[in-house]
Amino acid sequence: MPTITIPKKITKGEELIIIPKADWEKFKKIAEMKLSHLELEKGLKESLEDVKMGRIFGPFETVEEFKKAIKSSHL
């Protein structure tokens, strides 16, 4: 297996891993999906807390009821 020496000056003392670009793209895609899931979970947790604290509107029978509720809430 070929060996490549990368000067510590370039890596600033960090370890360096070299992988094929296709593998990197797969890894990157998985990491981005996990971040999206974490953001979704955070938003869901915040939403459930809003429901628990009574910070919700609706349901509404009509758009007019919705508009009236929004105006009166000063949002």
Protein backbone atom coordinates (compact mmCIF):
# COMPACT_ATOMS: atom_id res chain seq x y z
CA MET A 1 0.00 0.00 0.00
CA PRO A 2 1.43 3.39 -0.93
CA THR A 3 2.35 5.72 1.89
CA ILE A 4 1.90 9.46 1.73
CA THR A 5 3.57 11.67 4.29
CA ILE A 6 1.81 14.93 4.96
CA PRO A 7 3.83 17.47 6.89
CA LYS A 8 2.55 18.34 10.37
CA LYS A 9 2.75 21.96 9.30
CA ILE A 10 -0.16 21.34 6.92
CA THR A 11 -2.27 19.23 9.28
CA LYS A 12 -1.40 21.36 12.32
CA GLY A 13 -0.79 18.19 14.32
CA GLU A 14 -4.22 16.75 13.49
CA GLU A 15 -4.67 13.22 12.22
CA LEU A 16 -5.64 13.01 8.59
CA ILE A 17 -7.75 10.37 6.88
CA ILE A 18 -7.80 9.90 3.14
CA ILE A 19 -10.81 8.17 1.60
CA PRO A 20 -12.21 7.89 -1.91
CA LYS A 21 -14.42 10.81 -2.92
CA ALA A 22 -17.45 8.54 -3.44
CA ASP A 23 -17.17 7.34 0.17
CA TRP A 24 -16.80 10.94 1.36
CA GLU A 25 -19.96 11.94 -0.51
CA LYS A 26 -21.89 9.08 1.13
CA PHE A 27 -20.59 10.02 4.56
CA LYS A 28 -21.41 13.68 4.01
CA LYS A 29 -24.96 12.85 2.91
CA ILE A 30 -25.54 10.69 6.00
CA ALA A 31 -24.14 13.40 8.28
CA GLU A 32 -26.42 16.03 6.71
CA MET A 33 -29.43 13.75 7.14
CA LYS A 34 -28.59 13.23 10.81
CA LEU A 35 -28.32 17.00 11.32
CA SER A 36 -31.71 17.45 9.66
CA HIS A 37 -33.20 14.85 11.99
CA LEU A 38 -31.69 16.58 15.02
CA GLU A 39 -33.18 19.90 13.92
CA LEU A 40 -36.54 18.21 13.37
CA GLU A 41 -36.43 16.61 16.81
CA LYS A 42 -35.55 19.96 18.39
CA GLY A 43 -38.44 21.67 16.61
CA LEU A 44 -40.84 18.93 17.63
CA LYS A 45 -39.73 19.18 21.25
CA GLU A 46 -40.25 22.95 21.19
CA SER A 47 -43.68 22.51 19.59
CA LEU A 48 -44.77 20.01 22.20
CA GLU A 49 -43.62 22.40 24.92
CA ASP A 50 -45.75 25.14 23.30
CA VAL A 51 -48.77 22.83 23.39
CA LYS A 52 -48.06 21.93 27.01
CA MET A 53 -47.84 25.62 27.96
CA GLY A 54 -51.01 26.49 26.05
CA ARG A 55 -49.25 28.56 23.39
CA ILE A 56 -51.40 27.29 20.54
CA PHE A 57 -54.23 28.53 18.34
CA GLY A 58 -57.16 26.70 16.87
CA PRO A 59 -58.59 24.68 15.51
CA PHE A 60 -60.54 27.13 13.40
CA GLU A 61 -63.71 26.58 11.43
CA THR A 62 -62.97 29.38 8.96
CA VAL A 63 -60.12 31.49 7.69
CA GLU A 64 -61.86 34.50 9.20
CA GLU A 65 -61.70 32.93 12.67
CA PHE A 66 -58.01 32.29 12.12
CA LYS A 67 -57.36 35.89 11.02
CA LYS A 68 -59.26 37.24 14.02
CA ALA A 69 -57.22 35.08 16.41
CA ILE A 70 -53.95 36.19 14.83
CA LYS A 71 -54.88 39.88 15.02
CA SER A 72 -55.94 39.63 18.65
CA SER A 73 -52.74 37.81 19.62
CA HIS A 74 -50.50 40.67 18.41
CA LEU A 75 -48.26 38.33 16.40
